[in-house]
Amino acid sequence: MSSSPLLSVKNLKKTFTHKEHSITAVEGVCLDLYQDRTLGLVGESGSGKSTLAKLILRLEKPDEGEIFFQGVDLLKLSRKEMMDVRMELQVIFQDPYGALNPRMTAQEVIMEPLEIFMKNLSFTEKRQRVLHLMELVGLDPNFSQRLPHEFSGGQRQRISIARALALHPRLIICDEPIAALDVSIQSQIINLLKRLKAELGLNYLFISHDLAMVKYLCDDLAVMHFGKIVEKGDSENIYSNPQHVYTKALLSSVSRLQ
């Protein structure tokens, strides 16, 4: 394991206020994700996982804390500087249909990052890259002119994955990427992510409430409960010997379902 983390979150806090009520979604979170390791972030719905992902991506602004990516504090970057970072920090969202523009073809969706960040490439070069990415994620390139509604849920998520890969990122945040898919398709997407990690040297922050999938994919594990990280460490160690009562309860529920 590298001595310095690829991603390091330090004492991150985010509180949402509505009228007279305040909800602390993320409270004092510290996380490290290392090169060539996949970090799983697990917890029930409402535990703060997706809010944490938005904070890392700077889609939300934290109240306190620091976020370092490749040694750079993202919270100190200007909008323009952050745009450069986005080439190496990508995301796959939970809802593959909601994440895709329904009026754009698969080719247009996957090509969009190239249009924004790689203006020096010709259209032919961009199209070749798109077709290669479609093949890479298991999509027929002949379907490149189809609209999102003409694909199945699993195929739409493959389009989202291809889009995330377009700029050769170092880290992909996977925010519940299989939760909206049929059970029969979930394992296909997980196996695809695992293969892409091996082939392309990708790093993932994999967010999920599905501990069985996290165990299969992730090297390290962080358990989130009511906005706090209650346990973290090597995935196998936590699964075999959980220390926190909440982690034990999560693992117990998985065992009962199996």
C-alpha atoms as a PDB file:
ATOM      1  CA  MET A   1       0.000   0.000   0.000  1.00  0.00           C
ATOM      2  CA  SER A   2       1.268   3.472  -0.924  1.00  0.00           C
ATOM      3  CA  SER A   3       2.281   5.600   2.057  1.00  0.00           C
ATOM      4  CA  SER A   4       0.225   8.593   0.897  1.00  0.00           C
ATOM      5  CA  PRO A   5      -3.484   8.204   0.069  1.00  0.00           C
ATOM      6  CA  LEU A   6      -4.942   9.005  -3.330  1.00  0.00           C
ATOM      7  CA  LEU A   7      -7.953  10.539  -1.569  1.00  0.00           C
ATOM      8  CA  SER A   8      -7.954  11.807   1.993  1.00  0.00           C
ATOM      9  CA  VAL A   9     -10.975  13.267   3.771  1.00  0.00           C
ATOM     10  CA  LYS A  10     -10.291  15.012   7.071  1.00  0.00           C
ATOM     11  CA  ASN A  11     -12.898  16.036   9.666  1.00  0.00           C
ATOM     12  CA  LEU A  12     -15.595  16.718   7.092  1.00  0.00           C
ATOM     13  CA  LYS A  13     -18.868  18.158   8.355  1.00  0.00           C
ATOM     14  CA  LYS A  14     -22.085  19.172   6.625  1.00  0.00           C
ATOM     15  CA  THR A  15     -25.301  20.410   8.254  1.00  0.00           C
ATOM     16  CA  PHE A  16     -28.495  21.192   6.363  1.00  0.00           C
ATOM     17  CA  THR A  17     -30.877  23.764   7.819  1.00  0.00           C
ATOM     18  CA  HIS A  18     -34.557  24.016   6.915  1.00  0.00           C
ATOM     19  CA  LYS A  19     -36.525  26.722   8.686  1.00  0.00           C
ATOM     20  CA  GLU A  20     -35.837  26.088  12.384  1.00  0.00           C
ATOM     21  CA  HIS A  21     -34.583  22.536  11.981  1.00  0.00           C
ATOM     22  CA  SER A  22     -30.995  21.412  11.376  1.00  0.00           C
ATOM     23  CA  ILE A  23     -29.795  17.984  10.307  1.00  0.00           C
ATOM     24  CA  THR A  24     -26.123  17.045  10.441  1.00  0.00           C
ATOM     25  CA  ALA A  25     -25.669  14.721   7.468  1.00  0.00           C
ATOM     26  CA  VAL A  26     -21.878  14.330   7.780  1.00  0.00           C
ATOM     27  CA  GLU A  27     -20.107  14.779  11.091  1.00  0.00           C
ATOM     28  CA  GLY A  28     -16.334  14.694  11.491  1.00  0.00           C
ATOM     29  CA  VAL A  29     -15.722  12.115   8.768  1.00  0.00           C
ATOM     30  CA  CYS A  30     -12.130  11.002   8.126  1.00  0.00           C
ATOM     31  CA  LEU A  31     -11.337   8.603   5.273  1.00  0.00           C
ATOM     32  CA  ASP A  32      -8.283   7.513   3.291  1.00  0.00           C
ATOM     33  CA  LEU A  33      -8.392   5.741  -0.064  1.00  0.00           C
ATOM     34  CA  TYR A  34      -5.096   4.326  -1.303  1.00  0.00           C
ATOM     35  CA  GLN A  35      -3.840   3.622  -4.810  1.00  0.00           C
ATOM     36  CA  ASP A  36      -4.843   0.167  -6.127  1.00  0.00           C
ATOM     37  CA  ARG A  37      -7.371  -0.274  -3.306  1.00  0.00           C
ATOM     38  CA  THR A  38     -11.159  -0.103  -3.543  1.00  0.00           C
ATOM     39  CA  LEU A  39     -12.807   1.504  -0.533  1.00  0.00           C
ATOM     40  CA  GLY A  40     -16.355   0.460   0.274  1.00  0.00           C
ATOM     41  CA  LEU A  41     -18.595   2.893   2.150  1.00  0.00           C
ATOM     42  CA  VAL A  42     -21.623   1.156   3.651  1.00  0.00           C
ATOM     43  CA  GLY A  43     -24.595   2.135   5.763  1.00  0.00           C
ATOM     44  CA  GLU A  44     -28.359   2.309   5.684  1.00  0.00           C
ATOM     45  CA  SER A  45     -30.294   4.884   3.687  1.00  0.00           C
ATOM     46  CA  GLY A  46     -30.013   8.279   5.338  1.00  0.00           C
ATOM     47  CA  SER A  47     -26.635   7.559   6.914  1.00  0.00           C
ATOM     48  CA  GLY A  48     -24.940  10.328   4.921  1.00  0.00           C
ATOM     49  CA  LYS A  49     -23.129   8.283   2.272  1.00  0.00           C
ATOM     50  CA  SER A  50     -24.386  10.153  -0.798  1.00  0.00           C
ATOM     51  CA  THR A  51     -23.921  13.527   0.897  1.00  0.00           C
ATOM     52  CA  LEU A  52     -20.304  12.586   1.559  1.00  0.00           C
ATOM     53  CA  ALA A  53     -19.889  11.696  -2.132  1.00  0.00           C
ATOM     54  CA  LYS A  54     -21.305  15.088  -3.182  1.00  0.00           C
ATOM     55  CA  LEU A  55     -18.930  16.858  -0.800  1.00  0.00           C
ATOM     56  CA  ILE A  56     -15.919  15.028  -2.250  1.00  0.00           C
ATOM     57  CA  LEU A  57     -17.056  15.927  -5.768  1.00  0.00           C
ATOM     58  CA  ARG A  58     -17.663  19.525  -4.649  1.00  0.00           C
ATOM     59  CA  LEU A  59     -21.305  19.321  -5.654  1.00  0.00           C
ATOM     60  CA  GLU A  60     -21.988  20.404  -2.074  1.00  0.00           C
ATOM     61  CA  LYS A  61     -19.843  22.679   0.080  1.00  0.00           C
ATOM     62  CA  PRO A  62     -18.824  21.346   3.516  1.00  0.00           C
ATOM     63  CA  ASP A  63     -19.122  23.450   6.646  1.00  0.00           C
ATOM     64  CA  GLU A  64     -15.775  22.231   7.929  1.00  0.00           C
ATOM     65  CA  GLY A  65     -12.933  19.904   6.953  1.00  0.00           C
ATOM     66  CA  GLU A  66     -10.471  19.181   4.159  1.00  0.00           C
ATOM     67  CA  ILE A  67     -10.531  17.021   1.029  1.00  0.00           C
ATOM     68  CA  PHE A  68      -7.201  16.065  -0.526  1.00  0.00           C
ATOM     69  CA  PHE A  69      -7.026  14.359  -3.931  1.00  0.00           C
ATOM     70  CA  GLN A  70      -3.535  13.420  -5.114  1.00  0.00           C
ATOM     71  CA  GLY A  71      -2.193  15.726  -2.396  1.00  0.00           C
ATOM     72  CA  VAL A  72      -4.197  18.763  -3.505  1.00  0.00           C
ATOM     73  CA  ASP A  73      -6.809  20.352  -1.228  1.00  0.00           C
ATOM     74  CA  LEU A  74      -9.899  20.448  -3.443  1.00  0.00           C
ATOM     75  CA  LEU A  75     -11.628  23.013  -1.252  1.00  0.00           C
ATOM     76  CA  LYS A  76      -8.948  25.590  -2.035  1.00  0.00           C
ATOM     77  CA  LEU A  77      -9.233  25.256  -5.800  1.00  0.00           C
ATOM     78  CA  SER A  78     -10.914  27.805  -8.020  1.00  0.00           C
ATOM     79  CA  ARG A  79     -13.753  26.745 -10.295  1.00  0.00           C
ATOM     80  CA  LYS A  80     -11.347  26.558 -13.251  1.00  0.00           C
ATOM     81  CA  GLU A  81      -8.774  24.542 -11.287  1.00  0.00           C
ATOM     82  CA  MET A  82     -11.494  22.174 -10.159  1.00  0.00           C
ATOM     83  CA  MET A  83     -12.502  21.585 -13.775  1.00  0.00           C
ATOM     84  CA  ASP A  84      -9.024  20.185 -14.438  1.00  0.00           C
ATOM     85  CA  VAL A  85      -9.373  17.851 -11.443  1.00  0.00           C
ATOM     86  CA  ARG A  86     -12.713  16.560 -12.732  1.00  0.00           C
ATOM     87  CA  MET A  87     -10.888  14.835 -15.569  1.00  0.00           C
ATOM     88  CA  GLU A  88      -9.361  12.477 -13.006  1.00  0.00           C
ATOM     89  CA  LEU A  89     -12.257  12.353 -10.551  1.00  0.00           C
ATOM     90  CA  GLN A  90     -15.441  10.921 -12.048  1.00  0.00           C
ATOM     91  CA  VAL A  91     -18.740   9.552 -10.750  1.00  0.00           C
ATOM     92  CA  ILE A  92     -21.317   6.871 -11.539  1.00  0.00           C
ATOM     93  CA  PHE A  93     -24.743   7.702 -10.112  1.00  0.00           C
ATOM     94  CA  GLN A  94     -27.411   5.398  -8.724  1.00  0.00           C
ATOM     95  CA  ASP A  95     -30.154   6.008 -11.279  1.00  0.00           C
ATOM     96  CA  PRO A  96     -28.800   5.331 -14.770  1.00  0.00           C
ATOM     97  CA  TYR A  97     -31.867   6.791 -16.470  1.00  0.00           C
ATOM     98  CA  GLY A  98     -31.954   9.973 -14.415  1.00  0.00           C
ATOM     99  CA  ALA A  99     -28.220  10.474 -14.973  1.00  0.00           C
ATOM    100  CA  LEU A 100     -28.559  10.438 -18.768  1.00  0.00           C
ATOM    101  CA  ASN A 101     -30.027  13.182 -20.942  1.00  0.00           C
ATOM    102  CA  PRO A 102     -33.043  11.477 -22.587  1.00  0.00           C
ATOM    103  CA  ARG A 103     -32.577  13.573 -25.750  1.00  0.00           C
ATOM    104  CA  MET A 104     -28.942  12.540 -26.293  1.00  0.00           C
ATOM    105  CA  THR A 105     -27.863   9.366 -28.045  1.00  0.00           C
ATOM    106  CA  ALA A 106     -25.474   6.947 -26.353  1.00  0.00           C
ATOM    107  CA  GLN A 107     -22.688   8.345 -28.528  1.00  0.00           C
ATOM    108  CA  GLU A 108     -23.472  11.929 -27.527  1.00  0.00           C
ATOM    109  CA  VAL A 109     -23.624  11.029 -23.828  1.00  0.00           C
ATOM    110  CA  ILE A 110     -20.246   9.272 -23.842  1.00  0.00           C
ATOM    111  CA  MET A 111     -18.675  11.890 -26.088  1.00  0.00           C
ATOM    112  CA  GLU A 112     -19.794  14.858 -23.959  1.00  0.00           C
ATOM    113  CA  PRO A 113     -16.746  14.799 -21.606  1.00  0.00           C
ATOM    114  CA  LEU A 114     -14.460  14.643 -24.651  1.00  0.00           C
ATOM    115  CA  GLU A 115     -16.245  17.642 -26.189  1.00  0.00           C
ATOM    116  CA  ILE A 116     -15.649  19.638 -23.001  1.00  0.00           C
ATOM    117  CA  PHE A 117     -12.130  18.614 -22.075  1.00  0.00           C
ATOM    118  CA  MET A 118     -10.472  17.391 -25.295  1.00  0.00           C
ATOM    119  CA  LYS A 119     -11.317  20.021 -27.871  1.00  0.00           C
ATOM    120  CA  ASN A 120      -8.060  19.267 -29.702  1.00  0.00           C
ATOM    121  CA  LEU A 121      -9.402  15.882 -30.839  1.00  0.00           C
ATOM    122  CA  SER A 122     -11.204  15.634 -34.160  1.00  0.00           C
ATOM    123  CA  PHE A 123     -14.759  14.333 -34.300  1.00  0.00           C
ATOM    124  CA  THR A 124     -13.494  11.119 -35.866  1.00  0.00           C
ATOM    125  CA  GLU A 125     -11.036  10.582 -33.009  1.00  0.00           C
ATOM    126  CA  LYS A 126     -13.752  11.228 -30.444  1.00  0.00           C
ATOM    127  CA  ARG A 127     -16.144   8.846 -32.159  1.00  0.00           C
ATOM    128  CA  GLN A 128     -13.484   6.136 -32.281  1.00  0.00           C
ATOM    129  CA  ARG A 129     -12.932   6.642 -28.551  1.00  0.00           C
ATOM    130  CA  VAL A 130     -16.695   6.344 -27.929  1.00  0.00           C
ATOM    131  CA  LEU A 131     -17.005   3.116 -29.903  1.00  0.00           C
ATOM    132  CA  HIS A 132     -13.995   1.666 -28.089  1.00  0.00           C
ATOM    133  CA  LEU A 133     -15.546   2.576 -24.725  1.00  0.00           C
ATOM    134  CA  MET A 134     -18.844   0.955 -25.691  1.00  0.00           C
ATOM    135  CA  GLU A 135     -17.051  -2.266 -26.512  1.00  0.00           C
ATOM    136  CA  LEU A 136     -15.041  -2.012 -23.292  1.00  0.00           C
ATOM    137  CA  VAL A 137     -18.190  -1.922 -21.138  1.00  0.00           C
ATOM    138  CA  GLY A 138     -19.985  -4.638 -23.101  1.00  0.00           C
ATOM    139  CA  LEU A 139     -22.226  -2.564 -25.373  1.00  0.00           C
ATOM    140  CA  ASP A 140     -22.701  -3.116 -29.087  1.00  0.00           C
ATOM    141  CA  PRO A 141     -21.154  -0.094 -30.894  1.00  0.00           C
ATOM    142  CA  ASN A 142     -23.920  -0.438 -33.482  1.00  0.00           C
ATOM    143  CA  PHE A 143     -26.279   0.906 -30.801  1.00  0.00           C
ATOM    144  CA  SER A 144     -24.389   4.197 -30.527  1.00  0.00           C
ATOM    145  CA  GLN A 145     -27.242   6.215 -32.108  1.00  0.00           C
ATOM    146  CA  ARG A 146     -29.922   4.884 -29.788  1.00  0.00           C
ATOM    147  CA  LEU A 147     -31.543   7.030 -27.103  1.00  0.00           C
ATOM    148  CA  PRO A 148     -31.468   6.051 -23.390  1.00  0.00           C
ATOM    149  CA  HIS A 149     -35.080   4.780 -23.360  1.00  0.00           C
ATOM    150  CA  GLU A 150     -34.126   2.232 -26.019  1.00  0.00           C
ATOM    151  CA  PHE A 151     -31.710   0.523 -23.605  1.00  0.00           C
ATOM    152  CA  SER A 152     -32.352  -1.673 -20.582  1.00  0.00           C
ATOM    153  CA  GLY A 153     -31.440  -0.466 -17.086  1.00  0.00           C
ATOM    154  CA  GLY A 154     -28.225  -2.460 -17.077  1.00  0.00           C
ATOM    155  CA  GLN A 155     -27.260  -1.147 -20.503  1.00  0.00           C
ATOM    156  CA  ARG A 156     -27.934   2.430 -19.395  1.00  0.00           C
ATOM    157  CA  GLN A 157     -25.616   1.939 -16.431  1.00  0.00           C
ATOM    158  CA  ARG A 158     -22.960   0.642 -18.835  1.00  0.00           C
ATOM    159  CA  ILE A 159     -23.356   3.898 -20.793  1.00  0.00           C
ATOM    160  CA  SER A 160     -22.803   5.830 -17.548  1.00  0.00           C
ATOM    161  CA  ILE A 161     -19.692   3.771 -16.834  1.00  0.00           C
ATOM    162  CA  ALA A 162     -18.365   4.406 -20.341  1.00  0.00           C
ATOM    163  CA  ARG A 163     -18.916   8.139 -19.864  1.00  0.00           C
ATOM    164  CA  ALA A 164     -17.043   8.023 -16.549  1.00  0.00           C
ATOM    165  CA  LEU A 165     -14.125   6.279 -18.276  1.00  0.00           C
ATOM    166  CA  ALA A 166     -13.911   8.697 -21.206  1.00  0.00           C
ATOM    167  CA  LEU A 167     -11.220  10.949 -19.673  1.00  0.00           C
ATOM    168  CA  HIS A 168      -9.007   8.192 -18.189  1.00  0.00           C
ATOM    169  CA  PRO A 169      -9.803   9.045 -14.528  1.00  0.00           C
ATOM    170  CA  ARG A 170      -7.700   8.007 -11.543  1.00  0.00           C
ATOM    171  CA  LEU A 171     -10.695   7.667  -9.216  1.00  0.00           C
ATOM    172  CA  ILE A 172     -14.355   6.885  -9.807  1.00  0.00           C
ATOM    173  CA  ILE A 173     -16.941   7.436  -7.093  1.00  0.00           C
ATOM    174  CA  CYS A 174     -19.628   4.795  -7.487  1.00  0.00           C
ATOM    175  CA  ASP A 175     -22.719   6.076  -5.662  1.00  0.00           C
ATOM    176  CA  GLU A 176     -25.012   3.047  -5.240  1.00  0.00           C
ATOM    177  CA  PRO A 177     -24.415   2.056  -8.899  1.00  0.00           C
ATOM    178  CA  ILE A 178     -26.424  -1.182  -8.714  1.00  0.00           C
ATOM    179  CA  ALA A 179     -29.244  -0.201  -6.344  1.00  0.00           C
ATOM    180  CA  ALA A 180     -31.701   0.687  -9.139  1.00  0.00           C
ATOM    181  CA  LEU A 181     -31.000  -2.478 -11.156  1.00  0.00           C
ATOM    182  CA  ASP A 182     -32.638  -5.891 -11.188  1.00  0.00           C
ATOM    183  CA  VAL A 183     -30.872  -8.437  -8.997  1.00  0.00           C
ATOM    184  CA  SER A 184     -29.996 -10.506 -12.068  1.00  0.00           C
ATOM    185  CA  ILE A 185     -28.142  -7.527 -13.559  1.00  0.00           C
ATOM    186  CA  GLN A 186     -26.375  -6.338 -10.415  1.00  0.00           C
ATOM    187  CA  SER A 187     -23.700  -9.026 -10.451  1.00  0.00           C
ATOM    188  CA  GLN A 188     -22.968  -8.297 -14.124  1.00  0.00           C
ATOM    189  CA  ILE A 189     -22.249  -4.633 -13.336  1.00  0.00           C
ATOM    190  CA  ILE A 190     -20.118  -5.543 -10.316  1.00  0.00           C
ATOM    191  CA  ASN A 191     -18.089  -8.002 -12.402  1.00  0.00           C
ATOM    192  CA  LEU A 192     -17.673  -5.315 -15.072  1.00  0.00           C
ATOM    193  CA  LEU A 193     -16.361  -2.821 -12.503  1.00  0.00           C
ATOM    194  CA  LYS A 194     -13.980  -5.424 -11.129  1.00  0.00           C
ATOM    195  CA  ARG A 195     -12.657  -6.251 -14.606  1.00  0.00           C
ATOM    196  CA  LEU A 196     -12.212  -2.587 -15.508  1.00  0.00           C
ATOM    197  CA  LYS A 197     -10.286  -1.990 -12.284  1.00  0.00           C
ATOM    198  CA  ALA A 198      -7.859  -4.772 -13.184  1.00  0.00           C
ATOM    199  CA  GLU A 199      -7.500  -3.792 -16.844  1.00  0.00           C
ATOM    200  CA  LEU A 200      -7.295  -0.006 -16.449  1.00  0.00           C
ATOM    201  CA  GLY A 201      -5.781   0.374 -12.989  1.00  0.00           C
ATOM    202  CA  LEU A 202      -8.851   2.196 -11.680  1.00  0.00           C
ATOM    203  CA  ASN A 203      -9.562   3.175  -8.092  1.00  0.00           C
ATOM    204  CA  TYR A 204     -13.083   3.190  -6.683  1.00  0.00           C
ATOM    205  CA  LEU A 205     -14.930   4.683  -3.752  1.00  0.00           C
ATOM    206  CA  PHE A 206     -17.842   2.251  -3.833  1.00  0.00           C
ATOM    207  CA  ILE A 207     -20.915   3.400  -1.923  1.00  0.00           C
ATOM    208  CA  SER A 208     -23.589   0.825  -1.162  1.00  0.00           C
ATOM    209  CA  HIS A 209     -25.944  -0.642   1.422  1.00  0.00           C
ATOM    210  CA  ASP A 210     -25.330  -4.118  -0.049  1.00  0.00           C
ATOM    211  CA  LEU A 211     -22.619  -5.651   2.132  1.00  0.00           C
ATOM    212  CA  ALA A 212     -22.403  -8.827   0.063  1.00  0.00           C
ATOM    213  CA  MET A 213     -21.427  -6.855  -3.060  1.00  0.00           C
ATOM    214  CA  VAL A 214     -19.052  -4.651  -1.061  1.00  0.00           C
ATOM    215  CA  LYS A 215     -17.300  -7.731   0.305  1.00  0.00           C
ATOM    216  CA  TYR A 216     -16.813  -9.071  -3.214  1.00  0.00           C
ATOM    217  CA  LEU A 217     -15.455  -5.846  -4.708  1.00  0.00           C
ATOM    218  CA  CYS A 218     -13.762  -3.842  -1.943  1.00  0.00           C
ATOM    219  CA  ASP A 219     -10.364  -4.137  -0.261  1.00  0.00           C
ATOM    220  CA  ASP A 220     -11.152  -1.700   2.537  1.00  0.00           C
ATOM    221  CA  LEU A 221     -14.382  -0.850   4.294  1.00  0.00           C
ATOM    222  CA  ALA A 222     -15.838   2.129   6.147  1.00  0.00           C
ATOM    223  CA  VAL A 223     -19.148   1.840   7.975  1.00  0.00           C
ATOM    224  CA  MET A 224     -21.256   4.994   8.223  1.00  0.00           C
ATOM    225  CA  HIS A 225     -24.048   5.559  10.747  1.00  0.00           C
ATOM    226  CA  PHE A 226     -25.914   8.824  11.384  1.00  0.00           C
ATOM    227  CA  GLY A 227     -23.255  10.839   9.543  1.00  0.00           C
ATOM    228  CA  LYS A 228     -20.268   9.330  11.334  1.00  0.00           C
ATOM    229  CA  ILE A 229     -17.732   6.640  10.425  1.00  0.00           C
ATOM    230  CA  VAL A 230     -18.155   4.091  13.209  1.00  0.00           C
ATOM    231  CA  GLU A 231     -15.684   1.492  11.905  1.00  0.00           C
ATOM    232  CA  LYS A 232     -13.096   1.254   9.134  1.00  0.00           C
ATOM    233  CA  GLY A 233     -10.240  -0.972   8.048  1.00  0.00           C
ATOM    234  CA  ASP A 234      -9.411  -4.008   5.937  1.00  0.00           C
ATOM    235  CA  SER A 235     -12.607  -5.476   4.503  1.00  0.00           C
ATOM    236  CA  GLU A 236     -11.847  -9.091   5.407  1.00  0.00           C
ATOM    237  CA  ASN A 237     -10.956  -8.178   8.980  1.00  0.00           C
ATOM    238  CA  ILE A 238     -14.177  -6.250   9.514  1.00  0.00           C
ATOM    239  CA  TYR A 239     -16.322  -8.985   8.002  1.00  0.00           C
ATOM    240  CA  SER A 240     -14.667 -11.680  10.102  1.00  0.00           C
ATOM    241  CA  ASN A 241     -14.382  -9.676  13.322  1.00  0.00           C
ATOM    242  CA  PRO A 242     -16.614  -6.568  13.433  1.00  0.00           C
ATOM    243  CA  GLN A 243     -16.067  -4.349  16.473  1.00  0.00           C
ATOM    244  CA  HIS A 244     -18.888  -1.802  16.452  1.00  0.00           C
ATOM    245  CA  VAL A 245     -22.417  -2.825  17.420  1.00  0.00           C
ATOM    246  CA  TYR A 246     -23.859  -1.182  14.263  1.00  0.00           C
ATOM    247  CA  THR A 247     -21.458  -3.112  12.007  1.00  0.00           C
ATOM    248  CA  LYS A 248     -22.427  -6.324  13.778  1.00  0.00           C
ATOM    249  CA  ALA A 249     -26.110  -5.541  13.217  1.00  0.00           C
ATOM    250  CA  LEU A 250     -25.555  -4.890   9.488  1.00  0.00           C
ATOM    251  CA  LEU A 251     -23.614  -8.120   9.043  1.00  0.00           C
ATOM    252  CA  SER A 252     -26.190 -10.036  11.050  1.00  0.00           C
ATOM    253  CA  SER A 253     -28.972  -8.820   8.767  1.00  0.00           C
ATOM    254  CA  VAL A 254     -26.995  -9.966   5.709  1.00  0.00           C
ATOM    255  CA  SER A 255     -26.460 -13.419   7.261  1.00  0.00           C
ATOM    256  CA  ARG A 256     -30.187 -13.802   7.927  1.00  0.00           C
ATOM    257  CA  LEU A 257     -31.016 -12.989   4.310  1.00  0.00           C
ATOM    258  CA  GLN A 258     -28.508 -15.467   2.873  1.00  0.00           C
END
